[in-house]
Amino acid sequence: MADPFRVRVTVRGYELDTQGHLNQAVYLQYAEHARWECLRAAGIAQDRLIAGGVGPVALEVTVRYLRELRGGDEVDVTCDFRWGEGKTFQIVQDFTRPDGTPVAAVTGVGGLLDLTARRLVPDPRERFRALATDPTPMGL
């Protein structure tokens, strides 16, 4: 199994809470950023999704905080799609410092929404594979 896709983010001062560490909601933004970058690396831009009549949706998200991040810190955020059978898939995202120290973990359940029918597509793995120019970053 290949290493999961990863992107590095630098914590900006305006993202900090009153204690001086990364605001809890920003972890979700970093996770979302990594997911979109993973899709982009696979050749699936937002306009390609819309043209295909579909869009990714988050159905469940859990964040586990392990260490604080402060302004100027760098963090690597992974994006590891876990495919199964059915309409949903799992995404596991680890946040680590460049030295490998774990910072947080985000796990989620997602789906691919048919934008016309407003229902999840039956096999998101195959639909993503058909849209991708390089499905490797998504584990396909």
N, C-alpha and C. Protein backbone atom coordinates (compact mmCIF):
# COMPACT_ATOMS: atom_id res chain seq x y z
N MET A 1 0.84 -1.18 0.00
CA MET A 1 0.00 0.00 0.00
C MET A 1 0.88 1.25 0.00
N ALA A 2 0.58 2.19 -0.87
CA ALA A 2 1.36 3.42 -0.97
C ALA A 2 1.08 4.34 0.21
N ASP A 3 2.03 5.24 0.46
CA ASP A 3 1.83 6.24 1.49
C ASP A 3 0.63 7.11 1.11
N PRO A 4 -0.13 7.57 2.10
CA PRO A 4 -1.27 8.42 1.77
C PRO A 4 -0.82 9.79 1.25
N PHE A 5 -1.69 10.41 0.50
CA PHE A 5 -1.45 11.76 0.01
C PHE A 5 -1.26 12.68 1.21
N ARG A 6 -0.38 13.69 1.06
CA ARG A 6 -0.18 14.64 2.15
C ARG A 6 0.10 16.03 1.62
N VAL A 7 -0.29 17.02 2.42
CA VAL A 7 -0.05 18.41 2.09
C VAL A 7 0.43 19.11 3.36
N ARG A 8 1.36 20.05 3.20
CA ARG A 8 1.89 20.80 4.35
C ARG A 8 1.20 22.16 4.43
N VAL A 9 0.83 22.52 5.66
CA VAL A 9 0.16 23.80 5.92
C VAL A 9 0.93 24.52 7.03
N THR A 10 1.06 25.84 6.90
CA THR A 10 1.67 26.66 7.94
C THR A 10 0.56 27.37 8.69
N VAL A 11 0.56 27.27 10.02
CA VAL A 11 -0.46 27.90 10.86
C VAL A 11 -0.28 29.41 10.81
N ARG A 12 -1.37 30.10 10.49
CA ARG A 12 -1.36 31.56 10.40
C ARG A 12 -1.91 32.17 11.69
N GLY A 13 -1.42 33.35 12.04
CA GLY A 13 -1.78 34.01 13.28
C GLY A 13 -3.27 34.23 13.47
N TYR A 14 -3.97 34.54 12.41
CA TYR A 14 -5.41 34.81 12.54
C TYR A 14 -6.23 33.55 12.77
N GLU A 15 -5.60 32.38 12.71
CA GLU A 15 -6.30 31.11 12.94
C GLU A 15 -6.23 30.66 14.40
N LEU A 16 -5.59 31.45 15.25
CA LEU A 16 -5.36 31.07 16.64
C LEU A 16 -6.53 31.48 17.53
N ASP A 17 -6.73 30.73 18.61
CA ASP A 17 -7.74 31.08 19.60
C ASP A 17 -7.10 31.95 20.68
N THR A 18 -7.86 32.26 21.73
CA THR A 18 -7.34 33.16 22.77
C THR A 18 -6.22 32.54 23.60
N GLN A 19 -6.05 31.22 23.54
CA GLN A 19 -4.94 30.56 24.24
C GLN A 19 -3.67 30.53 23.38
N GLY A 20 -3.78 31.01 22.15
CA GLY A 20 -2.62 31.06 21.27
C GLY A 20 -2.38 29.79 20.50
N HIS A 21 -3.37 28.87 20.50
CA HIS A 21 -3.20 27.70 19.63
C HIS A 21 -4.28 27.64 18.57
N LEU A 22 -4.04 26.78 17.60
CA LEU A 22 -4.92 26.69 16.45
C LEU A 22 -6.36 26.44 16.90
N ASN A 23 -7.26 27.28 16.42
CA ASN A 23 -8.67 27.14 16.75
C ASN A 23 -9.19 25.79 16.27
N GLN A 24 -10.03 25.19 17.08
CA GLN A 24 -10.50 23.83 16.79
C GLN A 24 -11.19 23.72 15.44
N ALA A 25 -11.93 24.73 15.00
CA ALA A 25 -12.62 24.66 13.71
C ALA A 25 -11.65 24.67 12.54
N VAL A 26 -10.47 25.24 12.73
CA VAL A 26 -9.50 25.34 11.65
C VAL A 26 -8.93 23.96 11.30
N TYR A 27 -8.89 23.04 12.25
CA TYR A 27 -8.47 21.67 11.94
C TYR A 27 -9.36 21.10 10.84
N LEU A 28 -10.65 21.38 10.93
CA LEU A 28 -11.57 20.88 9.90
C LEU A 28 -11.30 21.55 8.55
N GLN A 29 -10.92 22.82 8.58
CA GLN A 29 -10.58 23.51 7.33
C GLN A 29 -9.31 22.92 6.72
N TYR A 30 -8.32 22.62 7.55
CA TYR A 30 -7.09 22.01 7.04
C TYR A 30 -7.40 20.63 6.44
N ALA A 31 -8.26 19.87 7.11
CA ALA A 31 -8.64 18.55 6.61
C ALA A 31 -9.35 18.67 5.26
N GLU A 32 -10.25 19.64 5.16
CA GLU A 32 -10.96 19.87 3.91
C GLU A 32 -9.99 20.29 2.80
N HIS A 33 -9.05 21.16 3.14
CA HIS A 33 -8.04 21.60 2.17
C HIS A 33 -7.27 20.39 1.64
N ALA A 34 -6.85 19.50 2.53
CA ALA A 34 -6.10 18.31 2.11
C ALA A 34 -6.94 17.41 1.21
N ARG A 35 -8.22 17.28 1.51
CA ARG A 35 -9.09 16.45 0.67
C ARG A 35 -9.22 17.03 -0.73
N TRP A 36 -9.41 18.35 -0.83
CA TRP A 36 -9.52 18.98 -2.15
C TRP A 36 -8.21 18.90 -2.91
N GLU A 37 -7.09 19.05 -2.21
CA GLU A 37 -5.79 18.92 -2.87
C GLU A 37 -5.57 17.49 -3.37
N CYS A 38 -6.04 16.53 -2.61
CA CYS A 38 -5.94 15.12 -3.03
C CYS A 38 -6.76 14.90 -4.31
N LEU A 39 -7.99 15.42 -4.31
CA LEU A 39 -8.81 15.30 -5.52
C LEU A 39 -8.14 15.99 -6.71
N ARG A 40 -7.58 17.17 -6.46
CA ARG A 40 -6.91 17.90 -7.54
C ARG A 40 -5.71 17.11 -8.07
N ALA A 41 -4.95 16.48 -7.15
CA ALA A 41 -3.81 15.66 -7.57
C ALA A 41 -4.26 14.47 -8.41
N ALA A 42 -5.48 14.02 -8.16
CA ALA A 42 -6.04 12.91 -8.94
C ALA A 42 -6.64 13.39 -10.26
N GLY A 43 -6.60 14.71 -10.49
CA GLY A 43 -7.15 15.25 -11.73
C GLY A 43 -8.62 15.57 -11.66
N ILE A 44 -9.14 15.68 -10.43
CA ILE A 44 -10.57 15.95 -10.27
C ILE A 44 -10.75 17.34 -9.66
N ALA A 45 -10.84 18.34 -10.52
CA ALA A 45 -11.10 19.71 -10.06
C ALA A 45 -12.61 19.87 -9.81
N GLN A 46 -12.96 20.93 -9.10
CA GLN A 46 -14.37 21.16 -8.80
C GLN A 46 -15.23 21.27 -10.06
N ASP A 47 -14.72 21.94 -11.08
CA ASP A 47 -15.51 22.07 -12.30
C ASP A 47 -15.74 20.72 -12.98
N ARG A 48 -14.79 19.80 -12.82
CA ARG A 48 -14.94 18.45 -13.39
C ARG A 48 -16.04 17.69 -12.64
N LEU A 49 -16.09 17.86 -11.32
CA LEU A 49 -17.15 17.23 -10.54
C LEU A 49 -18.52 17.77 -10.94
N ILE A 50 -18.62 19.10 -11.03
CA ILE A 50 -19.90 19.72 -11.38
C ILE A 50 -20.34 19.29 -12.78
N ALA A 51 -19.40 19.26 -13.72
CA ALA A 51 -19.72 18.80 -15.08
C ALA A 51 -20.18 17.35 -15.07
N GLY A 52 -19.66 16.56 -14.13
CA GLY A 52 -20.07 15.17 -13.99
C GLY A 52 -21.35 14.99 -13.19
N GLY A 53 -21.90 16.11 -12.70
CA GLY A 53 -23.17 16.05 -11.98
C GLY A 53 -23.09 15.52 -10.56
N VAL A 54 -21.88 15.57 -9.97
CA VAL A 54 -21.71 15.04 -8.62
C VAL A 54 -20.87 15.99 -7.76
N GLY A 55 -20.96 15.77 -6.45
CA GLY A 55 -20.13 16.52 -5.51
C GLY A 55 -19.93 15.72 -4.24
N PRO A 56 -18.72 15.79 -3.66
CA PRO A 56 -18.46 15.05 -2.42
C PRO A 56 -19.19 15.69 -1.24
N VAL A 57 -19.65 14.85 -0.32
CA VAL A 57 -20.31 15.34 0.90
C VAL A 57 -19.72 14.64 2.12
N ALA A 58 -19.63 15.40 3.20
CA ALA A 58 -19.21 14.84 4.49
C ALA A 58 -20.46 14.42 5.25
N LEU A 59 -20.47 13.19 5.72
CA LEU A 59 -21.61 12.67 6.45
C LEU A 59 -21.34 12.56 7.95
N GLU A 60 -20.06 12.44 8.30
CA GLU A 60 -19.67 12.31 9.70
C GLU A 60 -18.20 12.69 9.81
N VAL A 61 -17.84 13.45 10.85
CA VAL A 61 -16.45 13.84 11.07
C VAL A 61 -16.14 13.79 12.56
N THR A 62 -15.00 13.20 12.90
CA THR A 62 -14.52 13.15 14.27
C THR A 62 -13.10 13.68 14.30
N VAL A 63 -12.82 14.55 15.28
CA VAL A 63 -11.48 15.10 15.45
C VAL A 63 -10.94 14.66 16.79
N ARG A 64 -9.71 14.18 16.79
CA ARG A 64 -9.02 13.83 18.03
C ARG A 64 -7.77 14.71 18.12
N TYR A 65 -7.74 15.56 19.14
CA TYR A 65 -6.62 16.48 19.33
C TYR A 65 -5.57 15.82 20.21
N LEU A 66 -4.31 15.85 19.76
CA LEU A 66 -3.23 15.18 20.49
C LEU A 66 -2.20 16.16 21.04
N ARG A 67 -1.88 17.19 20.28
CA ARG A 67 -0.91 18.22 20.68
C ARG A 67 -1.35 19.54 20.09
N GLU A 68 -0.89 20.62 20.70
CA GLU A 68 -1.28 21.93 20.19
C GLU A 68 -0.43 22.36 19.00
N LEU A 69 -1.02 23.20 18.17
CA LEU A 69 -0.31 23.88 17.10
C LEU A 69 -0.39 25.37 17.39
N ARG A 70 0.72 26.08 17.18
CA ARG A 70 0.79 27.51 17.45
C ARG A 70 1.17 28.24 16.16
N GLY A 71 1.03 29.54 16.16
CA GLY A 71 1.33 30.35 14.98
C GLY A 71 2.72 30.06 14.43
N GLY A 72 2.81 29.89 13.12
CA GLY A 72 4.08 29.62 12.47
C GLY A 72 4.45 28.15 12.39
N ASP A 73 3.79 27.30 13.18
CA ASP A 73 4.06 25.85 13.11
C ASP A 73 3.66 25.33 11.73
N GLU A 74 4.36 24.29 11.30
CA GLU A 74 4.00 23.59 10.08
C GLU A 74 3.40 22.25 10.45
N VAL A 75 2.42 21.82 9.67
CA VAL A 75 1.78 20.54 9.92
C VAL A 75 1.50 19.86 8.58
N ASP A 76 1.78 18.57 8.53
CA ASP A 76 1.47 17.75 7.36
C ASP A 76 0.12 17.09 7.61
N VAL A 77 -0.77 17.20 6.63
CA VAL A 77 -2.11 16.62 6.74
C VAL A 77 -2.25 15.57 5.64
N THR A 78 -2.53 14.33 6.04
CA THR A 78 -2.69 13.26 5.07
C THR A 78 -4.15 13.14 4.64
N CYS A 79 -4.35 12.39 3.61
CA CYS A 79 -5.70 12.10 3.12
C CYS A 79 -5.68 10.67 2.60
N ASP A 80 -6.29 9.78 3.35
CA ASP A 80 -6.28 8.36 3.01
C ASP A 80 -7.72 7.87 2.86
N PHE A 81 -8.15 7.68 1.61
CA PHE A 81 -9.49 7.16 1.35
C PHE A 81 -9.52 5.67 1.63
N ARG A 82 -10.51 5.23 2.34
CA ARG A 82 -10.71 3.80 2.63
C ARG A 82 -12.02 3.38 1.96
N TRP A 83 -11.87 2.59 0.92
CA TRP A 83 -13.02 2.20 0.11
C TRP A 83 -13.60 0.89 0.58
N GLY A 84 -14.89 0.81 0.59
CA GLY A 84 -15.60 -0.42 0.92
C GLY A 84 -16.70 -0.62 -0.11
N GLU A 85 -17.69 -1.33 0.26
CA GLU A 85 -18.84 -1.54 -0.61
C GLU A 85 -19.93 -0.56 -0.21
N GLY A 86 -20.76 -0.19 -1.16
CA GLY A 86 -21.89 0.68 -0.84
C GLY A 86 -21.65 2.13 -1.20
N LYS A 87 -22.51 2.98 -0.66
CA LYS A 87 -22.58 4.39 -1.04
C LYS A 87 -21.60 5.29 -0.29
N THR A 88 -20.95 4.79 0.75
CA THR A 88 -20.08 5.65 1.55
C THR A 88 -18.65 5.12 1.56
N PHE A 89 -17.75 5.98 2.02
CA PHE A 89 -16.35 5.62 2.16
C PHE A 89 -15.82 6.34 3.39
N GLN A 90 -14.70 5.86 3.89
CA GLN A 90 -14.08 6.49 5.05
C GLN A 90 -12.85 7.26 4.59
N ILE A 91 -12.58 8.38 5.27
CA ILE A 91 -11.37 9.15 5.02
C ILE A 91 -10.65 9.29 6.36
N VAL A 92 -9.39 8.88 6.38
CA VAL A 92 -8.55 8.99 7.58
C VAL A 92 -7.49 10.04 7.30
N GLN A 93 -7.39 11.02 8.20
CA GLN A 93 -6.44 12.11 8.01
C GLN A 93 -5.63 12.31 9.28
N ASP A 94 -4.32 12.15 9.15
CA ASP A 94 -3.41 12.36 10.27
C ASP A 94 -2.73 13.71 10.12
N PHE A 95 -2.63 14.43 11.23
CA PHE A 95 -1.92 15.70 11.29
C PHE A 95 -0.63 15.43 12.05
N THR A 96 0.50 15.69 11.41
CA THR A 96 1.79 15.47 12.07
C THR A 96 2.72 16.64 11.81
N ARG A 97 3.58 16.89 12.78
CA ARG A 97 4.64 17.89 12.58
C ARG A 97 5.64 17.31 11.58
N PRO A 98 6.45 18.16 10.96
CA PRO A 98 7.44 17.64 10.00
C PRO A 98 8.39 16.60 10.60
N ASP A 99 8.59 16.64 11.94
CA ASP A 99 9.46 15.64 12.58
C ASP A 99 8.73 14.33 12.87
N GLY A 100 7.44 14.24 12.49
CA GLY A 100 6.67 13.02 12.69
C GLY A 100 5.82 12.99 13.94
N THR A 101 5.88 14.02 14.78
CA THR A 101 5.08 14.06 16.00
C THR A 101 3.60 14.18 15.66
N PRO A 102 2.77 13.25 16.15
CA PRO A 102 1.33 13.33 15.89
C PRO A 102 0.71 14.54 16.59
N VAL A 103 -0.18 15.23 15.89
CA VAL A 103 -0.83 16.42 16.42
C VAL A 103 -2.34 16.21 16.56
N ALA A 104 -2.95 15.59 15.55
CA ALA A 104 -4.40 15.37 15.57
C ALA A 104 -4.74 14.28 14.57
N ALA A 105 -5.95 13.77 14.69
CA ALA A 105 -6.46 12.79 13.74
C ALA A 105 -7.90 13.15 13.42
N VAL A 106 -8.21 13.17 12.14
CA VAL A 106 -9.57 13.43 11.69
C VAL A 106 -10.03 12.19 10.92
N THR A 107 -11.15 11.66 11.32
CA THR A 107 -11.74 10.55 10.58
C THR A 107 -13.13 10.96 10.15
N GLY A 108 -13.53 10.49 9.00
CA GLY A 108 -14.83 10.87 8.51
C GLY A 108 -15.44 9.83 7.60
N VAL A 109 -16.72 9.99 7.40
CA VAL A 109 -17.47 9.18 6.44
C VAL A 109 -17.98 10.14 5.39
N GLY A 110 -17.76 9.79 4.13
CA GLY A 110 -18.19 10.65 3.04
C GLY A 110 -18.99 9.88 2.02
N GLY A 111 -19.54 10.63 1.10
CA GLY A 111 -20.28 10.07 -0.01
C GLY A 111 -20.13 10.97 -1.21
N LEU A 112 -20.69 10.57 -2.31
CA LEU A 112 -20.66 11.36 -3.53
C LEU A 112 -22.11 11.60 -3.93
N LEU A 113 -22.53 12.86 -3.90
CA LEU A 113 -23.92 13.23 -4.12
C LEU A 113 -24.20 13.45 -5.60
N ASP A 114 -25.25 12.82 -6.09
CA ASP A 114 -25.77 13.10 -7.42
C ASP A 114 -26.49 14.44 -7.31
N LEU A 115 -26.00 15.47 -8.00
CA LEU A 115 -26.52 16.82 -7.82
C LEU A 115 -27.92 17.02 -8.38
N THR A 116 -28.36 16.15 -9.27
CA THR A 116 -29.72 16.25 -9.80
C THR A 116 -30.70 15.49 -8.92
N ALA A 117 -30.40 14.24 -8.62
CA ALA A 117 -31.30 13.39 -7.83
C ALA A 117 -31.24 13.73 -6.34
N ARG A 118 -30.15 14.41 -5.91
CA ARG A 118 -29.93 14.74 -4.49
C ARG A 118 -29.88 13.48 -3.64
N ARG A 119 -29.25 12.46 -4.18
CA ARG A 119 -29.04 11.18 -3.49
C ARG A 119 -27.59 10.77 -3.68
N LEU A 120 -27.09 9.95 -2.77
CA LEU A 120 -25.73 9.43 -2.92
C LEU A 120 -25.66 8.47 -4.10
N VAL A 121 -24.55 8.56 -4.85
CA VAL A 121 -24.37 7.62 -5.96
C VAL A 121 -24.10 6.24 -5.37
N PRO A 122 -24.53 5.18 -6.06
CA PRO A 122 -24.41 3.83 -5.50
C PRO A 122 -22.98 3.34 -5.33
N ASP A 123 -22.06 3.75 -6.20
CA ASP A 123 -20.68 3.26 -6.13
C ASP A 123 -19.72 4.43 -6.33
N PRO A 124 -19.43 5.18 -5.23
CA PRO A 124 -18.58 6.36 -5.37
C PRO A 124 -17.17 6.04 -5.85
N ARG A 125 -16.67 4.88 -5.48
CA ARG A 125 -15.32 4.50 -5.90
C ARG A 125 -15.21 4.48 -7.42
N GLU A 126 -16.16 3.85 -8.08
CA GLU A 126 -16.12 3.76 -9.54
C GLU A 126 -16.36 5.11 -10.20
N ARG A 127 -17.21 5.92 -9.60
CA ARG A 127 -17.48 7.25 -10.16
C ARG A 127 -16.24 8.13 -10.05
N PHE A 128 -15.57 8.11 -8.91
CA PHE A 128 -14.33 8.86 -8.75
C PHE A 128 -13.27 8.36 -9.73
N ARG A 129 -13.17 7.04 -9.86
CA ARG A 129 -12.18 6.46 -10.78
C ARG A 129 -12.43 6.95 -12.21
N ALA A 130 -13.69 7.03 -12.62
CA ALA A 130 -14.03 7.48 -13.96
C ALA A 130 -13.70 8.97 -14.16
N LEU A 131 -13.79 9.75 -13.11
CA LEU A 131 -13.51 11.19 -13.20
C LEU A 131 -12.02 11.51 -13.14
N ALA A 132 -11.25 10.64 -12.50
CA ALA A 132 -9.83 10.93 -12.24
C ALA A 132 -8.98 10.72 -13.49
N THR A 133 -7.97 11.58 -13.63
CA THR A 133 -6.95 11.33 -14.66
C THR A 133 -5.81 10.51 -14.08
N ASP A 134 -5.65 10.57 -12.76
CA ASP A 134 -4.67 9.75 -12.04
C ASP A 134 -5.28 9.36 -10.70
N PRO A 135 -5.94 8.22 -10.60
CA PRO A 135 -6.65 7.84 -9.39
C PRO A 135 -5.74 7.44 -8.21
N THR A 136 -4.44 7.37 -8.44
CA THR A 136 -3.52 6.90 -7.41
C THR A 136 -3.60 7.66 -6.10
N PRO A 137 -3.64 9.02 -6.08
CA PRO A 137 -3.70 9.72 -4.80
C PRO A 137 -4.91 9.35 -3.93
N MET A 138 -5.97 8.86 -4.58
CA MET A 138 -7.17 8.48 -3.86
C MET A 138 -7.20 7.01 -3.50
N GLY A 139 -6.12 6.31 -3.74
CA GLY A 139 -6.06 4.89 -3.42
C GLY A 139 -6.92 4.04 -4.34
N LEU A 140 -7.10 4.49 -5.57
CA LEU A 140 -7.93 3.76 -6.54
C LEU A 140 -7.06 3.07 -7.58
